[in-house]
């Protein structure tokens, strides 16, 4: 169960898990959960481990160890020199045009899990957490940062190109005729 708990904390990433969520998922007693958490924390205390478990408010999260901070900063500097991937650009566009937005909403629009991409964009300071949604679970809300605006040469979010979703009559007719042809062939 300790390995399952570790996997759960890894998968959930920055969102973290509350004790109540862990109890529900693992179906163990609170005493057993406390024992699992203590054992996992003890495993991570070893000097040959790069991560640890920390409690932030009511949520438990896997985090990097602060004693390795200088190395993580070097990685962040190297990563910031890279160009943005197609996935990063897609995620940024969704956030910029729909802010504030939750990770679940981003996932629904992209059709894939965006947890890692959000972590990367947070690390590069292109997005930030701007609050919590007033929905079940109170998910985090994300918006773009001034670093995003600077990177793309914008002075404000209003300078983003407008998205036009106009469909002309010709496109509708093509769709209808194609649809009817396909139905008739069946």
N, C-alpha and C. Protein backbone atom coordinates (compact mmCIF):
# COMPACT_ATOMS: atom_id res chain seq x y z
N UNK A 1 0.82 -1.20 0.00
CA UNK A 1 0.00 0.00 0.00
C UNK A 1 0.86 1.27 0.00
N UNK A 2 2.06 1.14 0.56
CA UNK A 2 2.96 2.30 0.58
C UNK A 2 3.31 2.71 -0.85
N UNK A 3 3.55 1.73 -1.72
CA UNK A 3 3.87 2.02 -3.12
C UNK A 3 2.67 2.65 -3.83
N UNK A 4 1.47 2.19 -3.50
CA UNK A 4 0.25 2.76 -4.09
C UNK A 4 0.11 4.21 -3.66
N UNK A 5 0.33 4.48 -2.38
CA UNK A 5 0.25 5.84 -1.86
C UNK A 5 1.26 6.75 -2.56
N UNK A 6 2.49 6.25 -2.73
CA UNK A 6 3.51 7.02 -3.42
C UNK A 6 3.06 7.33 -4.85
N UNK A 7 2.53 6.34 -5.53
CA UNK A 7 2.04 6.53 -6.90
C UNK A 7 0.92 7.56 -6.96
N UNK A 8 0.00 7.49 -6.01
CA UNK A 8 -1.11 8.45 -5.97
C UNK A 8 -0.59 9.88 -5.81
N UNK A 9 0.35 10.07 -4.89
CA UNK A 9 0.91 11.40 -4.66
C UNK A 9 1.67 11.89 -5.89
N UNK A 10 2.32 10.98 -6.60
CA UNK A 10 3.03 11.35 -7.81
C UNK A 10 2.04 11.78 -8.90
N UNK A 11 1.00 10.97 -9.09
CA UNK A 11 0.02 11.26 -10.14
C UNK A 11 -0.70 12.59 -9.90
N UNK A 12 -1.09 12.84 -8.67
CA UNK A 12 -1.88 14.05 -8.37
C UNK A 12 -1.02 15.31 -8.44
N UNK A 13 0.30 15.16 -8.28
CA UNK A 13 1.22 16.28 -8.46
C UNK A 13 0.96 17.46 -7.54
N UNK A 14 0.92 18.66 -8.12
CA UNK A 14 0.80 19.89 -7.35
C UNK A 14 -0.53 20.03 -6.62
N UNK A 15 -1.52 19.29 -7.03
CA UNK A 15 -2.83 19.41 -6.38
C UNK A 15 -2.81 18.81 -4.99
N UNK A 16 -2.03 17.76 -4.78
CA UNK A 16 -1.96 17.13 -3.48
C UNK A 16 -3.21 16.34 -3.15
N UNK A 17 -3.12 15.57 -2.07
CA UNK A 17 -4.25 14.78 -1.59
C UNK A 17 -4.47 15.06 -0.11
N UNK A 18 -5.73 15.14 0.28
CA UNK A 18 -6.07 15.27 1.71
C UNK A 18 -6.09 13.87 2.31
N UNK A 19 -6.06 13.81 3.62
CA UNK A 19 -6.15 12.52 4.30
C UNK A 19 -7.47 11.84 3.95
N UNK A 20 -8.53 12.62 3.88
CA UNK A 20 -9.85 12.07 3.56
C UNK A 20 -9.84 11.41 2.19
N UNK A 21 -9.20 12.05 1.22
CA UNK A 21 -9.12 11.47 -0.12
C UNK A 21 -8.30 10.18 -0.11
N UNK A 22 -7.18 10.19 0.61
CA UNK A 22 -6.34 8.99 0.69
C UNK A 22 -7.10 7.85 1.36
N UNK A 23 -7.83 8.16 2.44
CA UNK A 23 -8.60 7.13 3.14
C UNK A 23 -9.65 6.52 2.22
N UNK A 24 -10.31 7.36 1.44
CA UNK A 24 -11.35 6.88 0.53
C UNK A 24 -10.76 6.00 -0.58
N UNK A 25 -9.63 6.43 -1.14
CA UNK A 25 -9.02 5.68 -2.24
C UNK A 25 -8.38 4.38 -1.77
N UNK A 26 -7.64 4.45 -0.68
CA UNK A 26 -6.89 3.29 -0.20
C UNK A 26 -7.74 2.32 0.61
N UNK A 27 -8.87 2.81 1.13
CA UNK A 27 -9.77 1.99 1.95
C UNK A 27 -9.03 1.34 3.11
N UNK A 28 -8.30 2.18 3.86
CA UNK A 28 -7.59 1.74 5.05
C UNK A 28 -8.05 2.59 6.23
N UNK A 29 -7.69 2.17 7.43
CA UNK A 29 -8.04 2.96 8.62
C UNK A 29 -7.13 4.18 8.69
N UNK A 30 -7.54 5.16 9.48
CA UNK A 30 -6.72 6.37 9.64
C UNK A 30 -5.38 6.02 10.28
N UNK A 31 -5.41 5.06 11.21
CA UNK A 31 -4.17 4.62 11.86
C UNK A 31 -3.21 4.00 10.85
N UNK A 32 -3.75 3.16 9.96
CA UNK A 32 -2.91 2.54 8.92
C UNK A 32 -2.37 3.58 7.95
N UNK A 33 -3.20 4.57 7.62
CA UNK A 33 -2.75 5.63 6.72
C UNK A 33 -1.62 6.43 7.35
N UNK A 34 -1.77 6.78 8.62
CA UNK A 34 -0.71 7.52 9.33
C UNK A 34 0.59 6.72 9.31
N UNK A 35 0.48 5.41 9.50
CA UNK A 35 1.66 4.55 9.48
C UNK A 35 2.30 4.55 8.09
N UNK A 36 1.47 4.44 7.04
CA UNK A 36 1.99 4.49 5.67
C UNK A 36 2.69 5.80 5.38
N UNK A 37 2.07 6.91 5.77
CA UNK A 37 2.67 8.23 5.55
C UNK A 37 4.01 8.35 6.28
N UNK A 38 4.04 7.89 7.54
CA UNK A 38 5.29 7.96 8.31
C UNK A 38 6.39 7.11 7.67
N UNK A 39 6.03 5.92 7.21
CA UNK A 39 7.03 5.04 6.58
C UNK A 39 7.56 5.67 5.29
N UNK A 40 6.65 6.25 4.51
CA UNK A 40 7.06 6.87 3.25
C UNK A 40 7.96 8.09 3.53
N UNK A 41 7.58 8.90 4.52
CA UNK A 41 8.41 10.05 4.90
C UNK A 41 9.80 9.59 5.33
N UNK A 42 9.84 8.53 6.11
CA UNK A 42 11.12 7.99 6.59
C UNK A 42 11.98 7.52 5.41
N UNK A 43 11.36 6.85 4.44
CA UNK A 43 12.09 6.42 3.25
C UNK A 43 12.72 7.62 2.55
N UNK A 44 11.98 8.70 2.46
CA UNK A 44 12.45 9.89 1.75
C UNK A 44 13.49 10.68 2.53
N UNK A 45 13.62 10.46 3.81
CA UNK A 45 14.60 11.19 4.61
C UNK A 45 16.03 10.79 4.28
N UNK A 46 16.20 9.67 3.63
CA UNK A 46 17.52 9.20 3.24
C UNK A 46 18.21 10.24 2.35
N UNK A 47 19.51 10.41 2.53
CA UNK A 47 20.25 11.41 1.75
C UNK A 47 20.35 11.06 0.28
N UNK A 48 20.06 9.80 -0.07
CA UNK A 48 20.14 9.43 -1.49
C UNK A 48 18.79 9.55 -2.19
N UNK A 49 17.86 10.26 -1.59
CA UNK A 49 16.55 10.50 -2.20
C UNK A 49 16.41 11.99 -2.50
N UNK A 50 15.78 12.30 -3.62
CA UNK A 50 15.65 13.70 -4.04
C UNK A 50 14.30 14.31 -3.76
N UNK A 51 13.36 13.51 -3.28
CA UNK A 51 12.03 14.05 -2.99
C UNK A 51 11.63 13.74 -1.57
N UNK A 52 10.58 14.38 -1.12
CA UNK A 52 10.04 14.18 0.22
C UNK A 52 8.54 14.44 0.17
N UNK A 53 7.87 14.16 1.26
CA UNK A 53 6.44 14.46 1.38
C UNK A 53 6.30 15.63 2.32
N UNK A 54 5.49 16.61 1.91
CA UNK A 54 5.20 17.75 2.78
C UNK A 54 3.71 17.96 2.84
N UNK A 55 3.27 18.52 3.95
CA UNK A 55 1.86 18.84 4.13
C UNK A 55 1.70 20.35 3.98
N UNK A 56 0.83 20.75 3.05
CA UNK A 56 0.52 22.16 2.81
C UNK A 56 -0.96 22.34 3.10
N UNK A 57 -1.27 22.97 4.21
CA UNK A 57 -2.68 23.07 4.61
C UNK A 57 -3.17 21.67 4.95
N UNK A 58 -4.21 21.22 4.25
CA UNK A 58 -4.74 19.87 4.47
C UNK A 58 -4.23 18.87 3.45
N UNK A 59 -3.37 19.31 2.53
CA UNK A 59 -2.97 18.45 1.43
C UNK A 59 -1.53 17.98 1.56
N UNK A 60 -1.33 16.71 1.24
CA UNK A 60 0.00 16.11 1.22
C UNK A 60 0.49 16.09 -0.22
N UNK A 61 1.76 16.47 -0.42
CA UNK A 61 2.33 16.54 -1.77
C UNK A 61 3.75 15.99 -1.77
N UNK A 62 4.14 15.44 -2.91
CA UNK A 62 5.55 15.10 -3.11
C UNK A 62 6.25 16.38 -3.54
N UNK A 63 7.37 16.69 -2.94
CA UNK A 63 8.12 17.89 -3.31
C UNK A 63 9.61 17.54 -3.38
N UNK A 64 10.35 18.41 -4.02
CA UNK A 64 11.80 18.23 -4.06
C UNK A 64 12.39 18.71 -2.73
N UNK A 65 13.56 18.23 -2.42
CA UNK A 65 14.22 18.62 -1.18
C UNK A 65 14.87 19.99 -1.36
N UNK A 66 14.70 20.83 -0.36
CA UNK A 66 15.23 22.20 -0.44
C UNK A 66 16.75 22.23 -0.50
N UNK A 67 17.41 21.22 0.03
CA UNK A 67 18.88 21.22 0.00
C UNK A 67 19.46 21.04 -1.41
N UNK A 68 18.62 20.69 -2.37
CA UNK A 68 19.07 20.54 -3.76
C UNK A 68 18.61 21.71 -4.64
N UNK A 69 18.16 22.76 -4.00
CA UNK A 69 17.56 23.90 -4.70
C UNK A 69 18.43 24.47 -5.81
N UNK A 70 19.73 24.62 -5.57
CA UNK A 70 20.60 25.25 -6.57
C UNK A 70 20.62 24.44 -7.88
N UNK A 71 20.51 23.14 -7.79
CA UNK A 71 20.48 22.30 -8.99
C UNK A 71 19.17 22.45 -9.74
N UNK A 72 18.07 22.57 -8.99
CA UNK A 72 16.76 22.75 -9.62
C UNK A 72 16.69 24.11 -10.32
N UNK A 73 17.32 25.10 -9.72
CA UNK A 73 17.35 26.43 -10.34
C UNK A 73 18.11 26.40 -11.66
N UNK A 74 19.22 25.64 -11.70
CA UNK A 74 19.98 25.51 -12.95
C UNK A 74 19.12 24.84 -14.02
N UNK A 75 18.37 23.83 -13.63
CA UNK A 75 17.48 23.16 -14.58
C UNK A 75 16.43 24.13 -15.10
N UNK A 76 15.88 24.92 -14.21
CA UNK A 76 14.86 25.89 -14.62
C UNK A 76 15.45 26.90 -15.61
N UNK A 77 16.69 27.32 -15.37
CA UNK A 77 17.34 28.25 -16.29
C UNK A 77 17.55 27.61 -17.66
N UNK A 78 18.00 26.36 -17.67
CA UNK A 78 18.19 25.65 -18.94
C UNK A 78 16.87 25.46 -19.66
N UNK A 79 15.84 25.08 -18.91
CA UNK A 79 14.52 24.85 -19.51
C UNK A 79 13.94 26.13 -20.09
N UNK A 80 14.21 27.26 -19.46
CA UNK A 80 13.63 28.51 -19.95
C UNK A 80 14.26 28.95 -21.26
N UNK A 81 15.42 28.39 -21.60
CA UNK A 81 16.06 28.74 -22.87
C UNK A 81 15.47 27.93 -24.03
N UNK A 82 14.79 26.84 -23.72
CA UNK A 82 14.19 26.01 -24.75
C UNK A 82 12.99 26.72 -25.37
N UNK A 83 12.70 26.35 -26.59
CA UNK A 83 11.49 26.86 -27.20
C UNK A 83 10.30 26.08 -26.64
N UNK A 84 9.14 26.62 -26.82
CA UNK A 84 7.94 25.98 -26.31
C UNK A 84 7.47 24.88 -27.26
N UNK A 85 7.08 23.76 -26.70
CA UNK A 85 6.57 22.66 -27.50
C UNK A 85 5.15 22.98 -27.99
N UNK A 86 4.68 22.18 -28.92
CA UNK A 86 3.32 22.34 -29.42
C UNK A 86 2.32 22.18 -28.28
N UNK A 87 2.56 21.22 -27.38
CA UNK A 87 1.67 20.99 -26.23
C UNK A 87 1.66 22.20 -25.31
N UNK A 88 2.84 22.79 -25.09
CA UNK A 88 2.92 23.97 -24.23
C UNK A 88 2.16 25.14 -24.85
N UNK A 89 2.34 25.34 -26.14
CA UNK A 89 1.64 26.43 -26.83
C UNK A 89 0.14 26.22 -26.79
N UNK A 90 -0.28 24.99 -27.00
CA UNK A 90 -1.71 24.67 -26.96
C UNK A 90 -2.29 24.96 -25.58
N UNK A 91 -1.60 24.51 -24.55
CA UNK A 91 -2.06 24.71 -23.17
C UNK A 91 -2.08 26.20 -22.83
N UNK A 92 -1.04 26.92 -23.22
CA UNK A 92 -1.00 28.36 -22.97
C UNK A 92 -2.14 29.09 -23.67
N UNK A 93 -2.43 28.71 -24.90
CA UNK A 93 -3.52 29.35 -25.64
C UNK A 93 -4.85 29.10 -24.93
N UNK A 94 -5.07 27.89 -24.48
CA UNK A 94 -6.32 27.57 -23.77
C UNK A 94 -6.43 28.40 -22.51
N UNK A 95 -5.35 28.51 -21.76
CA UNK A 95 -5.38 29.29 -20.52
C UNK A 95 -5.57 30.77 -20.83
N UNK A 96 -4.83 31.29 -21.78
CA UNK A 96 -4.90 32.72 -22.10
C UNK A 96 -6.29 33.13 -22.56
N UNK A 97 -6.92 32.31 -23.39
CA UNK A 97 -8.23 32.67 -23.93
C UNK A 97 -9.39 32.36 -22.98
N UNK A 98 -9.14 31.56 -21.95
CA UNK A 98 -10.23 31.14 -21.07
C UNK A 98 -9.97 31.45 -19.59
N UNK A 99 -8.95 32.23 -19.29
CA UNK A 99 -8.61 32.44 -17.89
C UNK A 99 -9.72 33.17 -17.15
N UNK A 100 -9.88 32.89 -15.86
CA UNK A 100 -9.23 31.82 -15.10
C UNK A 100 -9.87 30.48 -15.46
N UNK A 101 -9.06 29.43 -15.43
CA UNK A 101 -9.50 28.11 -15.88
C UNK A 101 -8.86 27.04 -15.01
N UNK A 102 -9.59 25.94 -14.80
CA UNK A 102 -9.07 24.84 -13.98
C UNK A 102 -8.33 23.84 -14.86
N UNK A 103 -7.55 22.98 -14.23
CA UNK A 103 -6.83 21.95 -14.98
C UNK A 103 -7.81 21.00 -15.66
N UNK A 104 -8.88 20.67 -14.98
CA UNK A 104 -9.88 19.75 -15.57
C UNK A 104 -10.47 20.36 -16.83
N UNK A 105 -10.76 21.65 -16.81
CA UNK A 105 -11.29 22.31 -18.00
C UNK A 105 -10.26 22.29 -19.14
N UNK A 106 -9.00 22.50 -18.79
CA UNK A 106 -7.92 22.44 -19.80
C UNK A 106 -7.85 21.03 -20.38
N UNK A 107 -7.90 20.02 -19.50
CA UNK A 107 -7.87 18.62 -19.96
C UNK A 107 -9.01 18.33 -20.92
N UNK A 108 -10.21 18.84 -20.60
CA UNK A 108 -11.37 18.59 -21.45
C UNK A 108 -11.19 19.23 -22.82
N UNK A 109 -10.63 20.42 -22.86
CA UNK A 109 -10.42 21.10 -24.14
C UNK A 109 -9.30 20.45 -24.96
N UNK A 110 -8.26 20.00 -24.28
CA UNK A 110 -7.13 19.37 -24.99
C UNK A 110 -7.39 17.91 -25.30
N UNK A 111 -8.19 17.26 -24.48
CA UNK A 111 -8.45 15.84 -24.67
C UNK A 111 -7.38 14.94 -24.09
N UNK A 112 -6.45 15.52 -23.32
CA UNK A 112 -5.39 14.75 -22.66
C UNK A 112 -5.12 15.36 -21.28
N UNK A 113 -4.46 14.60 -20.43
CA UNK A 113 -4.10 15.09 -19.10
C UNK A 113 -3.04 16.17 -19.24
N UNK A 114 -3.25 17.29 -18.58
CA UNK A 114 -2.35 18.44 -18.69
C UNK A 114 -1.56 18.72 -17.42
N UNK A 115 -1.59 17.81 -16.45
CA UNK A 115 -0.93 18.06 -15.17
C UNK A 115 0.55 18.40 -15.33
N UNK A 116 1.27 17.58 -16.08
CA UNK A 116 2.71 17.82 -16.25
C UNK A 116 2.97 19.12 -17.00
N UNK A 117 2.17 19.39 -18.02
CA UNK A 117 2.35 20.63 -18.79
C UNK A 117 2.10 21.84 -17.90
N UNK A 118 1.10 21.76 -17.04
CA UNK A 118 0.82 22.88 -16.12
C UNK A 118 2.00 23.07 -15.17
N UNK A 119 2.55 21.97 -14.66
CA UNK A 119 3.72 22.08 -13.77
C UNK A 119 4.88 22.75 -14.51
N UNK A 120 5.10 22.36 -15.76
CA UNK A 120 6.19 22.96 -16.55
C UNK A 120 5.96 24.45 -16.77
N UNK A 121 4.74 24.81 -17.10
CA UNK A 121 4.43 26.22 -17.36
C UNK A 121 4.49 27.05 -16.08
N UNK A 122 4.11 26.45 -14.95
CA UNK A 122 4.26 27.13 -13.66
C UNK A 122 5.74 27.35 -13.36
N UNK A 123 6.56 26.32 -13.60
CA UNK A 123 8.00 26.41 -13.34
C UNK A 123 8.65 27.48 -14.21
N UNK A 124 8.15 27.64 -15.43
CA UNK A 124 8.71 28.65 -16.34
C UNK A 124 8.08 30.02 -16.13
N UNK A 125 7.15 30.11 -15.19
CA UNK A 125 6.49 31.37 -14.82
C UNK A 125 5.62 31.93 -15.96
N UNK A 126 5.09 31.05 -16.82
CA UNK A 126 4.18 31.51 -17.87
C UNK A 126 2.74 31.54 -17.38
N UNK A 127 2.44 30.74 -16.35
CA UNK A 127 1.11 30.75 -15.76
C UNK A 127 1.25 30.82 -14.25
N UNK A 128 0.15 31.15 -13.59
CA UNK A 128 0.14 31.23 -12.13
C UNK A 128 -1.22 30.79 -11.63
N UNK A 129 -1.24 30.39 -10.36
CA UNK A 129 -2.49 30.07 -9.70
C UNK A 129 -3.11 31.38 -9.24
N UNK A 130 -4.39 31.57 -9.57
CA UNK A 130 -5.06 32.84 -9.24
C UNK A 130 -6.24 32.67 -8.29
N UNK A 131 -6.39 31.49 -7.73
CA UNK A 131 -7.48 31.25 -6.80
C UNK A 131 -8.02 29.85 -6.93
N UNK A 132 -9.22 29.69 -6.39
CA UNK A 132 -9.90 28.40 -6.41
C UNK A 132 -11.30 28.58 -6.97
N UNK A 133 -11.75 27.60 -7.75
CA UNK A 133 -13.10 27.65 -8.31
C UNK A 133 -14.12 27.35 -7.21
N UNK A 134 -15.32 27.87 -7.36
CA UNK A 134 -16.38 27.63 -6.40
C UNK A 134 -17.18 26.40 -6.78
N UNK A 135 -16.49 25.34 -7.18
CA UNK A 135 -17.13 24.09 -7.55
C UNK A 135 -16.62 22.99 -6.62
N UNK A 136 -17.19 21.81 -6.76
CA UNK A 136 -16.80 20.69 -5.91
C UNK A 136 -15.30 20.46 -5.95
N UNK A 137 -14.69 20.31 -4.80
CA UNK A 137 -13.26 20.07 -4.72
C UNK A 137 -12.42 21.34 -4.76
N UNK A 138 -13.06 22.46 -5.06
CA UNK A 138 -12.39 23.76 -5.13
C UNK A 138 -11.07 23.68 -5.90
N UNK A 139 -11.13 23.29 -7.20
CA UNK A 139 -9.89 23.17 -7.99
C UNK A 139 -9.21 24.53 -8.19
N UNK A 140 -7.91 24.46 -8.41
CA UNK A 140 -7.12 25.67 -8.65
C UNK A 140 -7.51 26.30 -9.98
N UNK A 141 -7.45 27.63 -9.99
CA UNK A 141 -7.68 28.39 -11.22
C UNK A 141 -6.34 28.93 -11.71
N UNK A 142 -6.12 28.87 -13.03
CA UNK A 142 -4.87 29.32 -13.61
C UNK A 142 -5.10 30.47 -14.58
N UNK A 143 -4.10 31.33 -14.68
CA UNK A 143 -4.11 32.44 -15.63
C UNK A 143 -2.67 32.65 -16.09
N UNK A 144 -2.50 33.40 -17.18
CA UNK A 144 -1.15 33.68 -17.67
C UNK A 144 -0.51 34.79 -16.83
N UNK A 145 0.81 34.88 -16.92
CA UNK A 145 1.57 35.85 -16.14
C UNK A 145 2.12 36.96 -17.04
N UNK A 146 2.75 37.92 -16.41
CA UNK A 146 3.43 38.97 -17.15
C UNK A 146 4.59 38.39 -17.97
N UNK A 147 5.20 37.31 -17.47
CA UNK A 147 6.29 36.66 -18.21
C UNK A 147 5.75 36.09 -19.53
N UNK A 148 4.52 35.58 -19.52
CA UNK A 148 3.87 35.10 -20.74
C UNK A 148 3.71 36.27 -21.72
N UNK A 149 3.18 37.37 -21.21
CA UNK A 149 2.97 38.54 -22.07
C UNK A 149 4.30 39.02 -22.66
N UNK A 150 5.31 39.07 -21.82
CA UNK A 150 6.63 39.51 -22.26
C UNK A 150 7.19 38.57 -23.33
N UNK A 151 7.10 37.27 -23.10
CA UNK A 151 7.62 36.27 -24.03
C UNK A 151 6.98 36.41 -25.41
N UNK A 152 5.68 36.72 -25.45
CA UNK A 152 4.97 36.83 -26.72
C UNK A 152 4.85 38.27 -27.21
N UNK A 153 5.50 39.21 -26.52
CA UNK A 153 5.52 40.59 -26.96
C UNK A 153 4.18 41.28 -26.86
N UNK A 154 3.42 40.96 -25.84
CA UNK A 154 2.10 41.57 -25.64
C UNK A 154 2.15 42.49 -24.43
N UNK A 155 1.40 43.58 -24.48
CA UNK A 155 1.35 44.45 -23.31
C UNK A 155 0.18 44.09 -22.41
N UNK A 156 -0.83 43.40 -22.95
CA UNK A 156 -1.95 42.94 -22.14
C UNK A 156 -2.61 41.75 -22.84
N UNK A 157 -3.44 41.06 -22.12
CA UNK A 157 -4.13 39.89 -22.65
C UNK A 157 -5.11 40.29 -23.76
N UNK A 158 -5.55 41.52 -23.74
CA UNK A 158 -6.49 42.00 -24.76
C UNK A 158 -5.85 42.06 -26.15
N UNK A 159 -4.53 42.03 -26.22
CA UNK A 159 -3.83 42.06 -27.51
C UNK A 159 -3.77 40.70 -28.19
N UNK A 160 -4.26 39.66 -27.54
CA UNK A 160 -4.30 38.35 -28.19
C UNK A 160 -5.17 38.43 -29.44
N UNK A 161 -4.81 37.72 -30.49
CA UNK A 161 -5.65 37.71 -31.69
C UNK A 161 -7.05 37.19 -31.36
N UNK A 162 -8.05 37.75 -31.99
CA UNK A 162 -9.43 37.32 -31.76
C UNK A 162 -9.66 35.99 -32.47
N UNK A 163 -10.42 35.13 -31.82
CA UNK A 163 -10.77 33.84 -32.41
C UNK A 163 -12.16 33.99 -33.01
N UNK A 164 -12.25 33.69 -34.29
CA UNK A 164 -13.54 33.78 -34.96
C UNK A 164 -14.05 32.38 -35.22
N UNK A 165 -15.28 32.14 -34.81
CA UNK A 165 -15.88 30.84 -34.99
C UNK A 165 -17.07 30.92 -35.94
N UNK A 166 -16.90 31.61 -37.03
CA UNK A 166 -17.98 31.74 -37.99
C UNK A 166 -17.97 30.57 -38.95
N UNK A 167 -19.13 30.04 -39.19
CA UNK A 167 -19.29 28.98 -40.17
C UNK A 167 -20.22 29.53 -41.24
N UNK A 168 -19.75 29.56 -42.47
CA UNK A 168 -20.60 30.11 -43.52
C UNK A 168 -21.57 29.06 -44.04
N UNK A 169 -22.59 29.51 -44.77
CA UNK A 169 -23.64 28.62 -45.27
C UNK A 169 -23.08 27.51 -46.15
N UNK A 170 -22.03 27.82 -46.92
CA UNK A 170 -21.44 26.82 -47.81
C UNK A 170 -20.88 25.65 -47.01
N UNK A 171 -20.20 25.93 -45.88
CA UNK A 171 -19.65 24.88 -45.05
C UNK A 171 -20.76 24.02 -44.47
N UNK A 172 -21.87 24.64 -44.07
CA UNK A 172 -23.00 23.89 -43.52
C UNK A 172 -23.58 22.97 -44.59
N UNK A 173 -23.73 23.49 -45.81
CA UNK A 173 -24.27 22.68 -46.91
C UNK A 173 -23.36 21.50 -47.21
N UNK A 174 -22.04 21.73 -47.22
CA UNK A 174 -21.10 20.63 -47.46
C UNK A 174 -21.23 19.56 -46.38
N UNK A 175 -21.36 19.99 -45.15
CA UNK A 175 -21.51 19.05 -44.05
C UNK A 175 -22.79 18.25 -44.21
N UNK A 176 -23.89 18.94 -44.45
CA UNK A 176 -25.19 18.25 -44.59
C UNK A 176 -25.18 17.27 -45.75
N UNK A 177 -24.64 17.69 -46.90
CA UNK A 177 -24.65 16.80 -48.06
C UNK A 177 -23.74 15.59 -47.81
N UNK A 178 -22.60 15.76 -47.18
CA UNK A 178 -21.68 14.67 -46.89
C UNK A 178 -22.34 13.72 -45.90
N UNK A 179 -23.01 14.28 -44.90
CA UNK A 179 -23.66 13.46 -43.90
C UNK A 179 -24.76 12.62 -44.54
N UNK A 180 -25.56 13.23 -45.38
CA UNK A 180 -26.65 12.51 -46.06
C UNK A 180 -26.10 11.42 -46.97
N UNK A 181 -25.00 11.71 -47.68
CA UNK A 181 -24.39 10.70 -48.55
C UNK A 181 -23.93 9.49 -47.74
N UNK A 182 -23.29 9.75 -46.59
CA UNK A 182 -22.80 8.66 -45.76
C UNK A 182 -23.95 7.82 -45.22
N UNK A 183 -25.07 8.45 -44.85
CA UNK A 183 -26.21 7.73 -44.32
C UNK A 183 -26.84 6.87 -45.41
N UNK A 184 -26.96 7.44 -46.63
CA UNK A 184 -27.56 6.71 -47.73
C UNK A 184 -26.74 5.50 -48.12
N UNK A 185 -25.40 5.59 -47.98
CA UNK A 185 -24.52 4.47 -48.33
C UNK A 185 -24.71 3.30 -47.38
N UNK A 186 -25.13 3.57 -46.16
CA UNK A 186 -25.30 2.50 -45.18
C UNK A 186 -26.53 1.70 -45.54
